[in-house]
Amino acid sequence: MKIMNLNDFDYNLPPELIAQTPLSKRDSSKLLILNKKTGEIKHTHFDAIIDELNPGDVLVLNDTKVIPARLIGTKTETNALIELLLLKDIGDNIWECLARPAKRLKIGTIVKFSNELQAEVVEKLDEGIVHVKLIYEGILMEILDKLGEMPLPPYIHEKLQDKNRYQTVYAKNIGSAAAPTAGLHFTKDLLAKIEAKGIELLFVTLHVGLGTFRPVEVENILDHHMHSEFYHMSLEVANKLNQAQKEKRKIYAVGTTSTRVLETIIHKYGEFKACSGNTDIFIYPGFEFKAIDGLITNFHLPKSTLLMLVSALASKEFILNAYNEAIKNNYRFFSFGDAMFIK
């Protein structure tokens, strides 16, 4: 049986390098450029990304929008505090949620968040997952905007002052439980300059779900199962991507989420195609990339599926060396941290 050891994707990160807050200016973060063939490294700042792109190149971005999905309420029968993180809209006002503490909930339990919003537990699953029916009057997203908090990752301990800083400037389609963080570095001004240079900007959607919050807990990563996430590609985008590949133009994904959409579709259909669906694609070393030529991404957690994905695009040795260089140069890590361009 083939084995790929989880500990091979580990590295030591000084805790002070975990970014707790976003920089005041999105595109002023540092940028490490890694040549995936040679391992050569260059240090610059994110707004210089435009110099690394050529007319005719394609940038694919994920236009998902994060729901302020973290809700804190009380059980109506005991007043015990319950936290729900809305993960996925299943339909008919039923949502898949991560509950804390889940053991305090049973089928039929009502959790009250305000006079406007309550949740009734309709199903209990493994790993703290529950299905709840949301009971409310009015427009749900307006209620969540008022009551919900942004579902920041557990390693961020500072309160986010401006909710919009955990959204990309092009966020459009509501449905994510976490931000596609590579996109947080772009400003509208930078995107306009990139487009003016002749680089094509195309948008796909992947709603980030539970996979983002779940660590890999198996020794052999080949035994890890990814949770599925919803994706969508339009006909216009599919046609433009097929044209770009035919003309041998470079396709760069912004973020691991965009990468997963593109590789899912091309591995399934052999070309880009207008479609929607759920993907549980797991990309790790040995994977054959058929869709992307490079990737703009952040620095990922040790032993994470995202670190495995970037290690598949460049070698694991090149990636871990680049991470060590970033640590030496005091780069900021994770969601609000600095960026990397693997090309």
C-alpha atoms as a PDB file:
ATOM      1  CA  MET A   1       0.000   0.000   0.000  1.00  0.00           C
ATOM      2  CA  LYS A   2       1.236   3.461  -0.922  1.00  0.00           C
ATOM      3  CA  ILE A   3       2.021   5.740   2.039  1.00  0.00           C
ATOM      4  CA  MET A   4       2.541   9.495   2.191  1.00  0.00           C
ATOM      5  CA  ASN A   5       3.364  10.593   5.708  1.00  0.00           C
ATOM      6  CA  LEU A   6       1.548  13.521   7.292  1.00  0.00           C
ATOM      7  CA  ASN A   7       4.709  14.604   9.160  1.00  0.00           C
ATOM      8  CA  ASP A   8       6.471  15.191   5.838  1.00  0.00           C
ATOM      9  CA  PHE A   9       4.268  18.282   5.477  1.00  0.00           C
ATOM     10  CA  ASP A  10       5.215  19.808   8.824  1.00  0.00           C
ATOM     11  CA  TYR A  11       7.334  22.887   9.537  1.00  0.00           C
ATOM     12  CA  ASN A  12       8.035  25.066  12.580  1.00  0.00           C
ATOM     13  CA  LEU A  13       6.403  28.473  12.564  1.00  0.00           C
ATOM     14  CA  PRO A  14       7.102  31.069  15.263  1.00  0.00           C
ATOM     15  CA  PRO A  15       3.628  32.018  16.605  1.00  0.00           C
ATOM     16  CA  GLU A  16       4.374  35.748  16.254  1.00  0.00           C
ATOM     17  CA  LEU A  17       4.378  35.316  12.445  1.00  0.00           C
ATOM     18  CA  ILE A  18       0.684  34.336  12.394  1.00  0.00           C
ATOM     19  CA  ALA A  19      -1.026  37.486  11.074  1.00  0.00           C
ATOM     20  CA  GLN A  20      -3.799  38.552  13.458  1.00  0.00           C
ATOM     21  CA  THR A  21      -5.120  41.531  11.511  1.00  0.00           C
ATOM     22  CA  PRO A  22      -5.145  42.587   7.857  1.00  0.00           C
ATOM     23  CA  LEU A  23      -2.679  45.267   6.703  1.00  0.00           C
ATOM     24  CA  SER A  24      -4.195  48.718   6.237  1.00  0.00           C
ATOM     25  CA  LYS A  25      -3.523  48.500   2.485  1.00  0.00           C
ATOM     26  CA  ARG A  26      -4.450  45.189   0.854  1.00  0.00           C
ATOM     27  CA  ASP A  27      -1.760  45.125  -1.850  1.00  0.00           C
ATOM     28  CA  SER A  28       1.136  46.234   0.392  1.00  0.00           C
ATOM     29  CA  SER A  29       1.742  42.694   1.679  1.00  0.00           C
ATOM     30  CA  LYS A  30       4.991  40.931   0.844  1.00  0.00           C
ATOM     31  CA  LEU A  31       5.132  38.596  -2.145  1.00  0.00           C
ATOM     32  CA  LEU A  32       7.482  35.631  -2.510  1.00  0.00           C
ATOM     33  CA  ILE A  33       7.878  34.458  -6.096  1.00  0.00           C
ATOM     34  CA  LEU A  34       8.865  30.801  -6.479  1.00  0.00           C
ATOM     35  CA  ASN A  35      10.006  29.265  -9.742  1.00  0.00           C
ATOM     36  CA  LYS A  36       8.391  25.834  -9.604  1.00  0.00           C
ATOM     37  CA  LYS A  37      10.969  24.274 -11.951  1.00  0.00           C
ATOM     38  CA  THR A  38      14.188  25.582 -10.379  1.00  0.00           C
ATOM     39  CA  GLY A  39      13.176  26.485  -6.821  1.00  0.00           C
ATOM     40  CA  GLU A  40      14.581  29.990  -7.329  1.00  0.00           C
ATOM     41  CA  ILE A  41      13.081  32.599  -4.989  1.00  0.00           C
ATOM     42  CA  LYS A  42      12.502  36.340  -5.383  1.00  0.00           C
ATOM     43  CA  HIS A  43      11.131  38.754  -2.754  1.00  0.00           C
ATOM     44  CA  THR A  44       8.918  41.712  -3.636  1.00  0.00           C
ATOM     45  CA  HIS A  45       5.580  43.319  -2.664  1.00  0.00           C
ATOM     46  CA  PHE A  46       2.143  42.263  -3.857  1.00  0.00           C
ATOM     47  CA  ASP A  47       1.445  45.316  -6.007  1.00  0.00           C
ATOM     48  CA  ALA A  48       4.428  44.189  -8.164  1.00  0.00           C
ATOM     49  CA  ILE A  49       2.435  41.098  -9.227  1.00  0.00           C
ATOM     50  CA  ILE A  50       1.559  43.048 -12.375  1.00  0.00           C
ATOM     51  CA  ASP A  51       5.240  42.883 -13.432  1.00  0.00           C
ATOM     52  CA  GLU A  52       5.118  39.075 -13.234  1.00  0.00           C
ATOM     53  CA  LEU A  53       2.159  38.822 -15.624  1.00  0.00           C
ATOM     54  CA  ASN A  54       2.240  39.207 -19.401  1.00  0.00           C
ATOM     55  CA  PRO A  55      -0.414  40.400 -21.858  1.00  0.00           C
ATOM     56  CA  GLY A  56      -2.554  37.400 -22.818  1.00  0.00           C
ATOM     57  CA  ASP A  57      -2.145  35.678 -19.445  1.00  0.00           C
ATOM     58  CA  VAL A  58      -5.351  34.669 -17.651  1.00  0.00           C
ATOM     59  CA  LEU A  59      -6.047  35.169 -13.940  1.00  0.00           C
ATOM     60  CA  VAL A  60      -8.885  33.045 -12.519  1.00  0.00           C
ATOM     61  CA  LEU A  61     -10.445  34.349  -9.298  1.00  0.00           C
ATOM     62  CA  ASN A  62     -13.061  32.911  -6.925  1.00  0.00           C
ATOM     63  CA  ASP A  63     -15.962  35.363  -6.517  1.00  0.00           C
ATOM     64  CA  THR A  64     -17.577  33.632  -3.540  1.00  0.00           C
ATOM     65  CA  LYS A  65     -18.807  35.852  -0.694  1.00  0.00           C
ATOM     66  CA  VAL A  66     -18.422  34.943   2.974  1.00  0.00           C
ATOM     67  CA  ILE A  67     -21.555  34.731   5.100  1.00  0.00           C
ATOM     68  CA  PRO A  68     -21.261  36.310   8.585  1.00  0.00           C
ATOM     69  CA  ALA A  69     -22.012  32.756   9.650  1.00  0.00           C
ATOM     70  CA  ARG A  70     -20.824  32.553  13.254  1.00  0.00           C
ATOM     71  CA  LEU A  71     -23.854  32.774  15.535  1.00  0.00           C
ATOM     72  CA  ILE A  72     -23.929  32.662  19.335  1.00  0.00           C
ATOM     73  CA  GLY A  73     -27.227  31.887  21.017  1.00  0.00           C
ATOM     74  CA  THR A  74     -28.798  30.057  23.952  1.00  0.00           C
ATOM     75  CA  LYS A  75     -30.744  26.826  24.316  1.00  0.00           C
ATOM     76  CA  THR A  76     -34.312  27.840  25.080  1.00  0.00           C
ATOM     77  CA  GLU A  77     -34.750  25.117  27.752  1.00  0.00           C
ATOM     78  CA  THR A  78     -31.549  25.741  29.778  1.00  0.00           C
ATOM     79  CA  ASN A  79     -30.044  29.055  28.578  1.00  0.00           C
ATOM     80  CA  ALA A  80     -26.747  27.215  27.868  1.00  0.00           C
ATOM     81  CA  LEU A  81     -24.548  29.082  25.363  1.00  0.00           C
ATOM     82  CA  ILE A  82     -24.343  27.455  21.936  1.00  0.00           C
ATOM     83  CA  GLU A  83     -22.226  28.516  18.965  1.00  0.00           C
ATOM     84  CA  LEU A  84     -23.252  27.574  15.433  1.00  0.00           C
ATOM     85  CA  LEU A  85     -21.158  28.062  12.322  1.00  0.00           C
ATOM     86  CA  LEU A  86     -23.367  27.907   9.222  1.00  0.00           C
ATOM     87  CA  LEU A  87     -21.558  25.859   6.585  1.00  0.00           C
ATOM     88  CA  LYS A  88     -23.972  24.957   3.828  1.00  0.00           C
ATOM     89  CA  ASP A  89     -27.525  25.811   2.775  1.00  0.00           C
ATOM     90  CA  ILE A  90     -29.162  22.442   2.135  1.00  0.00           C
ATOM     91  CA  GLY A  91     -32.507  23.974   1.087  1.00  0.00           C
ATOM     92  CA  ASP A  92     -35.889  24.646   2.770  1.00  0.00           C
ATOM     93  CA  ASN A  93     -34.109  26.769   5.430  1.00  0.00           C
ATOM     94  CA  ILE A  94     -32.108  23.736   6.584  1.00  0.00           C
ATOM     95  CA  TRP A  95     -28.398  24.376   7.089  1.00  0.00           C
ATOM     96  CA  GLU A  96     -25.401  22.165   7.788  1.00  0.00           C
ATOM     97  CA  CYS A  97     -23.587  23.632  10.807  1.00  0.00           C
ATOM     98  CA  LEU A  98     -20.610  23.064  13.017  1.00  0.00           C
ATOM     99  CA  ALA A  99     -21.933  23.237  16.591  1.00  0.00           C
ATOM    100  CA  ARG A 100     -20.079  23.914  19.844  1.00  0.00           C
ATOM    101  CA  PRO A 101     -20.637  22.154  22.185  1.00  0.00           C
ATOM    102  CA  ALA A 102     -22.478  19.681  19.930  1.00  0.00           C
ATOM    103  CA  LYS A 103     -22.970  17.192  22.766  1.00  0.00           C
ATOM    104  CA  ARG A 104     -25.440  19.600  24.393  1.00  0.00           C
ATOM    105  CA  LEU A 105     -27.746  19.413  21.383  1.00  0.00           C
ATOM    106  CA  LYS A 106     -30.330  16.782  20.569  1.00  0.00           C
ATOM    107  CA  ILE A 107     -32.958  16.532  17.853  1.00  0.00           C
ATOM    108  CA  GLY A 108     -35.691  19.055  18.625  1.00  0.00           C
ATOM    109  CA  THR A 109     -33.427  21.436  20.613  1.00  0.00           C
ATOM    110  CA  ILE A 110     -34.191  25.099  19.874  1.00  0.00           C
ATOM    111  CA  VAL A 111     -31.344  27.639  19.940  1.00  0.00           C
ATOM    112  CA  LYS A 112     -32.394  31.298  20.120  1.00  0.00           C
ATOM    113  CA  PHE A 113     -30.126  34.021  18.696  1.00  0.00           C
ATOM    114  CA  SER A 114     -32.563  36.940  18.871  1.00  0.00           C
ATOM    115  CA  ASN A 115     -36.297  37.597  18.533  1.00  0.00           C
ATOM    116  CA  GLU A 116     -35.704  37.477  14.773  1.00  0.00           C
ATOM    117  CA  LEU A 117     -33.804  34.184  14.504  1.00  0.00           C
ATOM    118  CA  GLN A 118     -33.960  30.707  16.043  1.00  0.00           C
ATOM    119  CA  ALA A 119     -32.626  27.312  14.963  1.00  0.00           C
ATOM    120  CA  GLU A 120     -34.155  23.896  15.560  1.00  0.00           C
ATOM    121  CA  VAL A 121     -31.857  20.846  15.458  1.00  0.00           C
ATOM    122  CA  VAL A 122     -33.282  18.347  12.954  1.00  0.00           C
ATOM    123  CA  GLU A 123     -30.338  15.937  12.586  1.00  0.00           C
ATOM    124  CA  LYS A 124     -27.078  15.135  14.397  1.00  0.00           C
ATOM    125  CA  LEU A 125     -24.068  13.804  12.485  1.00  0.00           C
ATOM    126  CA  ASP A 126     -20.423  13.063  13.376  1.00  0.00           C
ATOM    127  CA  GLU A 127     -17.590  15.500  14.165  1.00  0.00           C
ATOM    128  CA  GLY A 128     -19.791  18.208  15.675  1.00  0.00           C
ATOM    129  CA  ILE A 129     -21.947  18.571  12.563  1.00  0.00           C
ATOM    130  CA  VAL A 130     -25.680  19.187  12.940  1.00  0.00           C
ATOM    131  CA  HIS A 131     -28.482  20.074  10.556  1.00  0.00           C
ATOM    132  CA  VAL A 132     -30.733  22.865  11.785  1.00  0.00           C
ATOM    133  CA  LYS A 133     -33.908  24.458  10.486  1.00  0.00           C
ATOM    134  CA  LEU A 134     -33.644  28.257  10.678  1.00  0.00           C
ATOM    135  CA  ILE A 135     -36.816  29.963  11.897  1.00  0.00           C
ATOM    136  CA  TYR A 136     -37.006  33.671  11.074  1.00  0.00           C
ATOM    137  CA  GLU A 137     -39.099  36.420   9.563  1.00  0.00           C
ATOM    138  CA  GLY A 138     -37.747  38.716   6.881  1.00  0.00           C
ATOM    139  CA  ILE A 139     -34.601  38.311   4.753  1.00  0.00           C
ATOM    140  CA  LEU A 140     -32.109  35.835   6.201  1.00  0.00           C
ATOM    141  CA  MET A 141     -28.948  37.522   4.861  1.00  0.00           C
ATOM    142  CA  GLU A 142     -30.013  40.855   6.368  1.00  0.00           C
ATOM    143  CA  ILE A 143     -30.556  39.146   9.740  1.00  0.00           C
ATOM    144  CA  LEU A 144     -27.154  37.416   9.524  1.00  0.00           C
ATOM    145  CA  ASP A 145     -25.490  40.733   8.628  1.00  0.00           C
ATOM    146  CA  LYS A 146     -26.889  42.140  11.864  1.00  0.00           C
ATOM    147  CA  LEU A 147     -26.348  39.145  14.189  1.00  0.00           C
ATOM    148  CA  GLY A 148     -23.559  37.076  12.691  1.00  0.00           C
ATOM    149  CA  GLU A 149     -19.817  37.437  13.029  1.00  0.00           C
ATOM    150  CA  MET A 150     -17.274  36.629  10.333  1.00  0.00           C
ATOM    151  CA  PRO A 151     -16.129  33.004  10.777  1.00  0.00           C
ATOM    152  CA  LEU A 152     -12.446  33.793  11.305  1.00  0.00           C
ATOM    153  CA  PRO A 153     -10.103  30.804  11.675  1.00  0.00           C
ATOM    154  CA  PRO A 154      -9.342  29.677  15.255  1.00  0.00           C
ATOM    155  CA  TYR A 155      -5.727  30.943  15.135  1.00  0.00           C
ATOM    156  CA  ILE A 156      -6.945  34.555  14.782  1.00  0.00           C
ATOM    157  CA  HIS A 157      -7.547  35.985  18.246  1.00  0.00           C
ATOM    158  CA  GLU A 158      -8.022  39.669  17.391  1.00  0.00           C
ATOM    159  CA  LYS A 159     -11.497  40.992  16.663  1.00  0.00           C
ATOM    160  CA  LEU A 160     -11.976  42.081  13.061  1.00  0.00           C
ATOM    161  CA  GLN A 161     -12.827  45.798  13.023  1.00  0.00           C
ATOM    162  CA  ASP A 162     -14.207  45.891   9.475  1.00  0.00           C
ATOM    163  CA  LYS A 163     -16.187  42.854   8.208  1.00  0.00           C
ATOM    164  CA  ASN A 164     -15.304  43.725   4.609  1.00  0.00           C
ATOM    165  CA  ARG A 165     -11.615  42.983   5.210  1.00  0.00           C
ATOM    166  CA  TYR A 166     -12.525  39.276   5.288  1.00  0.00           C
ATOM    167  CA  GLN A 167     -14.078  39.619   1.822  1.00  0.00           C
ATOM    168  CA  THR A 168     -12.341  40.054  -1.518  1.00  0.00           C
ATOM    169  CA  VAL A 169     -13.130  43.309  -3.352  1.00  0.00           C
ATOM    170  CA  TYR A 170     -14.842  41.207  -6.057  1.00  0.00           C
ATOM    171  CA  ALA A 171     -16.898  38.952  -3.725  1.00  0.00           C
ATOM    172  CA  LYS A 172     -20.327  38.435  -5.269  1.00  0.00           C
ATOM    173  CA  ASN A 173     -21.939  35.007  -4.776  1.00  0.00           C
ATOM    174  CA  ILE A 174     -22.961  34.462  -1.141  1.00  0.00           C
ATOM    175  CA  GLY A 175     -22.204  31.046   0.339  1.00  0.00           C
ATOM    176  CA  SER A 176     -18.758  30.655   1.923  1.00  0.00           C
ATOM    177  CA  ALA A 177     -17.856  29.757   5.487  1.00  0.00           C
ATOM    178  CA  ALA A 178     -14.342  31.177   4.944  1.00  0.00           C
ATOM    179  CA  ALA A 179     -12.700  33.675   2.616  1.00  0.00           C
ATOM    180  CA  PRO A 180     -10.650  32.633  -0.425  1.00  0.00           C
ATOM    181  CA  THR A 181      -7.718  34.413   1.209  1.00  0.00           C
ATOM    182  CA  ALA A 182      -5.313  34.698  -1.759  1.00  0.00           C
ATOM    183  CA  GLY A 183      -7.774  37.160  -3.260  1.00  0.00           C
ATOM    184  CA  LEU A 184      -7.680  39.450  -0.213  1.00  0.00           C
ATOM    185  CA  HIS A 185      -4.470  41.066  -1.570  1.00  0.00           C
ATOM    186  CA  PHE A 186      -6.148  42.593  -4.629  1.00  0.00           C
ATOM    187  CA  THR A 187      -7.528  46.131  -4.727  1.00  0.00           C
ATOM    188  CA  LYS A 188      -9.951  47.362  -7.391  1.00  0.00           C
ATOM    189  CA  ASP A 189      -7.214  49.703  -8.606  1.00  0.00           C
ATOM    190  CA  LEU A 190      -4.655  46.889  -8.979  1.00  0.00           C
ATOM    191  CA  LEU A 191      -7.176  44.695 -10.829  1.00  0.00           C
ATOM    192  CA  ALA A 192      -7.933  47.572 -13.213  1.00  0.00           C
ATOM    193  CA  LYS A 193      -4.202  48.024 -13.922  1.00  0.00           C
ATOM    194  CA  ILE A 194      -3.774  44.275 -14.507  1.00  0.00           C
ATOM    195  CA  GLU A 195      -6.677  44.283 -16.961  1.00  0.00           C
ATOM    196  CA  ALA A 196      -5.335  47.384 -18.712  1.00  0.00           C
ATOM    197  CA  LYS A 197      -2.053  45.519 -19.292  1.00  0.00           C
ATOM    198  CA  GLY A 198      -3.965  42.923 -21.336  1.00  0.00           C
ATOM    199  CA  ILE A 199      -4.356  40.204 -18.718  1.00  0.00           C
ATOM    200  CA  GLU A 200      -7.752  38.498 -18.794  1.00  0.00           C
ATOM    201  CA  LEU A 201      -9.664  38.310 -15.493  1.00  0.00           C
ATOM    202  CA  LEU A 202     -12.124  35.412 -15.235  1.00  0.00           C
ATOM    203  CA  PHE A 203     -14.332  34.419 -12.301  1.00  0.00           C
ATOM    204  CA  VAL A 204     -15.472  31.036 -11.000  1.00  0.00           C
ATOM    205  CA  THR A 205     -17.264  30.239  -7.737  1.00  0.00           C
ATOM    206  CA  LEU A 206     -16.327  27.791  -5.014  1.00  0.00           C
ATOM    207  CA  HIS A 207     -18.097  28.097  -1.675  1.00  0.00           C
ATOM    208  CA  VAL A 208     -15.494  27.308   0.970  1.00  0.00           C
ATOM    209  CA  GLY A 209     -16.891  24.817   3.466  1.00  0.00           C
ATOM    210  CA  LEU A 210     -15.933  22.440   6.214  1.00  0.00           C
ATOM    211  CA  GLY A 211     -12.726  21.215   4.562  1.00  0.00           C
ATOM    212  CA  THR A 212     -11.124  24.511   5.532  1.00  0.00           C
ATOM    213  CA  PHE A 213     -11.762  23.944   9.239  1.00  0.00           C
ATOM    214  CA  ARG A 214     -10.874  20.268   9.378  1.00  0.00           C
ATOM    215  CA  PRO A 215      -7.270  19.276  10.087  1.00  0.00           C
ATOM    216  CA  VAL A 216      -5.817  16.114   8.552  1.00  0.00           C
ATOM    217  CA  GLU A 217      -5.919  13.541  11.327  1.00  0.00           C
ATOM    218  CA  VAL A 218      -4.589  10.418   9.584  1.00  0.00           C
ATOM    219  CA  GLU A 219      -0.899   9.404   9.530  1.00  0.00           C
ATOM    220  CA  ASN A 220      -1.088   8.370   5.870  1.00  0.00           C
ATOM    221  CA  ILE A 221      -2.550  11.359   4.017  1.00  0.00           C
ATOM    222  CA  LEU A 222      -3.888   9.022   1.304  1.00  0.00           C
ATOM    223  CA  ASP A 223      -6.511   7.939   3.874  1.00  0.00           C
ATOM    224  CA  HIS A 224      -7.775  11.531   4.287  1.00  0.00           C
ATOM    225  CA  HIS A 225     -11.226  12.308   2.905  1.00  0.00           C
ATOM    226  CA  MET A 226     -12.023  15.851   1.762  1.00  0.00           C
ATOM    227  CA  HIS A 227     -15.474  17.292   2.505  1.00  0.00           C
ATOM    228  CA  SER A 228     -17.239  18.395  -0.667  1.00  0.00           C
ATOM    229  CA  GLU A 229     -17.746  22.041  -1.653  1.00  0.00           C
ATOM    230  CA  PHE A 230     -20.075  23.577  -4.244  1.00  0.00           C
ATOM    231  CA  TYR A 231     -18.569  25.089  -7.416  1.00  0.00           C
ATOM    232  CA  HIS A 232     -19.820  26.796 -10.578  1.00  0.00           C
ATOM    233  CA  MET A 233     -18.314  27.785 -13.929  1.00  0.00           C
ATOM    234  CA  SER A 234     -20.240  29.770 -16.560  1.00  0.00           C
ATOM    235  CA  LEU A 235     -20.271  29.016 -20.294  1.00  0.00           C
ATOM    236  CA  GLU A 236     -18.495  32.298 -21.087  1.00  0.00           C
ATOM    237  CA  VAL A 237     -15.628  31.505 -18.680  1.00  0.00           C
ATOM    238  CA  ALA A 238     -15.345  27.899 -19.943  1.00  0.00           C
ATOM    239  CA  ASN A 239     -15.108  29.095 -23.561  1.00  0.00           C
ATOM    240  CA  LYS A 240     -12.463  31.705 -22.734  1.00  0.00           C
ATOM    241  CA  LEU A 241     -10.358  29.201 -20.786  1.00  0.00           C
ATOM    242  CA  ASN A 242     -10.535  26.607 -23.587  1.00  0.00           C
ATOM    243  CA  GLN A 243      -9.460  29.340 -26.033  1.00  0.00           C
ATOM    244  CA  ALA A 244      -6.542  30.354 -23.775  1.00  0.00           C
ATOM    245  CA  GLN A 245      -5.342  26.732 -23.571  1.00  0.00           C
ATOM    246  CA  LYS A 246      -5.645  26.320 -27.345  1.00  0.00           C
ATOM    247  CA  GLU A 247      -3.496  29.446 -27.799  1.00  0.00           C
ATOM    248  CA  LYS A 248      -1.011  28.163 -25.159  1.00  0.00           C
ATOM    249  CA  ARG A 249      -1.520  31.219 -22.966  1.00  0.00           C
ATOM    250  CA  LYS A 250      -0.699  30.951 -19.260  1.00  0.00           C
ATOM    251  CA  ILE A 251      -3.572  30.322 -16.840  1.00  0.00           C
ATOM    252  CA  TYR A 252      -2.882  31.378 -13.254  1.00  0.00           C
ATOM    253  CA  ALA A 253      -5.287  30.548 -10.425  1.00  0.00           C
ATOM    254  CA  VAL A 254      -5.802  33.012  -7.603  1.00  0.00           C
ATOM    255  CA  GLY A 255      -6.049  30.721  -4.601  1.00  0.00           C
ATOM    256  CA  THR A 256      -6.328  27.021  -3.933  1.00  0.00           C
ATOM    257  CA  THR A 257     -10.133  27.268  -4.245  1.00  0.00           C
ATOM    258  CA  SER A 258      -9.973  28.477  -7.869  1.00  0.00           C
ATOM    259  CA  THR A 259      -7.380  25.761  -8.523  1.00  0.00           C
ATOM    260  CA  ARG A 260      -9.728  23.083  -7.224  1.00  0.00           C
ATOM    261  CA  VAL A 261     -12.567  24.264  -9.489  1.00  0.00           C
ATOM    262  CA  LEU A 262     -10.380  24.329 -12.604  1.00  0.00           C
ATOM    263  CA  GLU A 263      -8.684  20.976 -11.973  1.00  0.00           C
ATOM    264  CA  THR A 264     -11.980  19.300 -10.978  1.00  0.00           C
ATOM    265  CA  ILE A 265     -13.648  20.307 -14.242  1.00  0.00           C
ATOM    266  CA  ILE A 266     -10.762  19.508 -16.591  1.00  0.00           C
ATOM    267  CA  HIS A 267     -10.109  16.113 -14.958  1.00  0.00           C
ATOM    268  CA  LYS A 268     -13.806  15.271 -15.195  1.00  0.00           C
ATOM    269  CA  TYR A 269     -14.562  16.466 -18.731  1.00  0.00           C
ATOM    270  CA  GLY A 270     -11.160  16.738 -20.433  1.00  0.00           C
ATOM    271  CA  GLU A 271     -11.819  20.432 -21.110  1.00  0.00           C
ATOM    272  CA  PHE A 272     -13.398  23.428 -19.409  1.00  0.00           C
ATOM    273  CA  LYS A 273     -17.178  23.216 -19.386  1.00  0.00           C
ATOM    274  CA  ALA A 274     -20.115  25.239 -18.042  1.00  0.00           C
ATOM    275  CA  CYS A 275     -21.223  23.299 -14.977  1.00  0.00           C
ATOM    276  CA  SER A 276     -22.083  23.308 -11.282  1.00  0.00           C
ATOM    277  CA  GLY A 277     -21.503  20.561  -8.783  1.00  0.00           C
ATOM    278  CA  ASN A 278     -19.734  19.482  -5.631  1.00  0.00           C
ATOM    279  CA  THR A 279     -16.038  18.692  -5.516  1.00  0.00           C
ATOM    280  CA  ASP A 280     -14.037  16.740  -2.974  1.00  0.00           C
ATOM    281  CA  ILE A 281     -10.860  16.758  -5.088  1.00  0.00           C
ATOM    282  CA  PHE A 282      -7.754  16.210  -2.960  1.00  0.00           C
ATOM    283  CA  ILE A 283      -4.550  17.466  -4.583  1.00  0.00           C
ATOM    284  CA  TYR A 284      -1.256  16.173  -3.182  1.00  0.00           C
ATOM    285  CA  PRO A 285       2.218  15.387  -4.626  1.00  0.00           C
ATOM    286  CA  GLY A 286       1.987  13.171  -7.674  1.00  0.00           C
ATOM    287  CA  PHE A 287      -1.127  14.981  -8.957  1.00  0.00           C
ATOM    288  CA  GLU A 288      -1.025  15.899 -12.654  1.00  0.00           C
ATOM    289  CA  PHE A 289      -2.080  19.526 -13.169  1.00  0.00           C
ATOM    290  CA  LYS A 290      -3.991  19.924 -16.433  1.00  0.00           C
ATOM    291  CA  ALA A 291      -5.646  23.321 -15.915  1.00  0.00           C
ATOM    292  CA  ILE A 292      -3.217  25.783 -14.312  1.00  0.00           C
ATOM    293  CA  ASP A 293       0.308  26.993 -15.064  1.00  0.00           C
ATOM    294  CA  GLY A 294       0.788  28.730 -11.732  1.00  0.00           C
ATOM    295  CA  LEU A 295      -0.844  29.844  -8.520  1.00  0.00           C
ATOM    296  CA  ILE A 296      -1.120  32.958  -6.377  1.00  0.00           C
ATOM    297  CA  THR A 297      -1.683  31.822  -2.796  1.00  0.00           C
ATOM    298  CA  ASN A 298      -1.029  32.531   0.875  1.00  0.00           C
ATOM    299  CA  PHE A 299       1.230  30.649   3.299  1.00  0.00           C
ATOM    300  CA  HIS A 300      -0.629  27.626   4.656  1.00  0.00           C
ATOM    301  CA  LEU A 301      -0.817  25.772   7.951  1.00  0.00           C
ATOM    302  CA  PRO A 302       1.572  22.911   8.680  1.00  0.00           C
ATOM    303  CA  LYS A 303       0.142  19.467   7.797  1.00  0.00           C
ATOM    304  CA  SER A 304      -2.794  21.052   5.916  1.00  0.00           C
ATOM    305  CA  THR A 305      -4.365  19.878   2.648  1.00  0.00           C
ATOM    306  CA  LEU A 306      -3.507  23.317   1.214  1.00  0.00           C
ATOM    307  CA  LEU A 307       0.195  22.820   1.927  1.00  0.00           C
ATOM    308  CA  MET A 308      -0.116  19.444   0.170  1.00  0.00           C
ATOM    309  CA  LEU A 309      -1.707  21.143  -2.852  1.00  0.00           C
ATOM    310  CA  VAL A 310       1.122  23.672  -3.286  1.00  0.00           C
ATOM    311  CA  SER A 311       3.647  20.855  -2.734  1.00  0.00           C
ATOM    312  CA  ALA A 312       2.069  19.095  -5.703  1.00  0.00           C
ATOM    313  CA  LEU A 313       2.532  22.148  -7.938  1.00  0.00           C
ATOM    314  CA  ALA A 314       6.140  22.807  -6.953  1.00  0.00           C
ATOM    315  CA  SER A 315       8.057  20.047  -5.198  1.00  0.00           C
ATOM    316  CA  LYS A 316       7.618  19.597  -1.447  1.00  0.00           C
ATOM    317  CA  GLU A 317      11.333  20.427  -1.044  1.00  0.00           C
ATOM    318  CA  PHE A 318      10.975  23.725  -2.978  1.00  0.00           C
ATOM    319  CA  ILE A 319       7.861  24.673  -1.000  1.00  0.00           C
ATOM    320  CA  LEU A 320       9.338  23.933   2.434  1.00  0.00           C
ATOM    321  CA  ASN A 321      12.534  25.767   1.459  1.00  0.00           C
ATOM    322  CA  ALA A 322      10.448  28.775   0.353  1.00  0.00           C
ATOM    323  CA  TYR A 323       8.526  28.660   3.650  1.00  0.00           C
ATOM    324  CA  ASN A 324      11.798  28.667   5.593  1.00  0.00           C
ATOM    325  CA  GLU A 325      12.973  31.665   3.544  1.00  0.00           C
ATOM    326  CA  ALA A 326       9.675  33.416   4.313  1.00  0.00           C
ATOM    327  CA  ILE A 327      10.129  32.741   8.038  1.00  0.00           C
ATOM    328  CA  LYS A 328      13.701  34.125   7.916  1.00  0.00           C
ATOM    329  CA  ASN A 329      12.350  37.255   6.210  1.00  0.00           C
ATOM    330  CA  ASN A 330       9.528  37.733   8.727  1.00  0.00           C
ATOM    331  CA  TYR A 331       6.687  37.113   6.323  1.00  0.00           C
ATOM    332  CA  ARG A 332       3.212  37.072   7.874  1.00  0.00           C
ATOM    333  CA  PHE A 333       1.443  33.701   7.625  1.00  0.00           C
ATOM    334  CA  PHE A 334      -2.084  32.337   7.042  1.00  0.00           C
ATOM    335  CA  SER A 335      -5.369  34.129   6.246  1.00  0.00           C
ATOM    336  CA  PHE A 336      -4.341  37.761   6.799  1.00  0.00           C
ATOM    337  CA  GLY A 337      -0.715  37.080   5.928  1.00  0.00           C
ATOM    338  CA  ASP A 338       1.555  37.619   2.927  1.00  0.00           C
ATOM    339  CA  ALA A 339       1.412  35.986  -0.501  1.00  0.00           C
ATOM    340  CA  MET A 340       3.313  33.637  -2.738  1.00  0.00           C
ATOM    341  CA  PHE A 341       3.288  33.321  -6.527  1.00  0.00           C
ATOM    342  CA  ILE A 342       4.290  29.862  -7.768  1.00  0.00           C
ATOM    343  CA  LYS A 343       5.033  30.116 -11.497  1.00  0.00           C
END
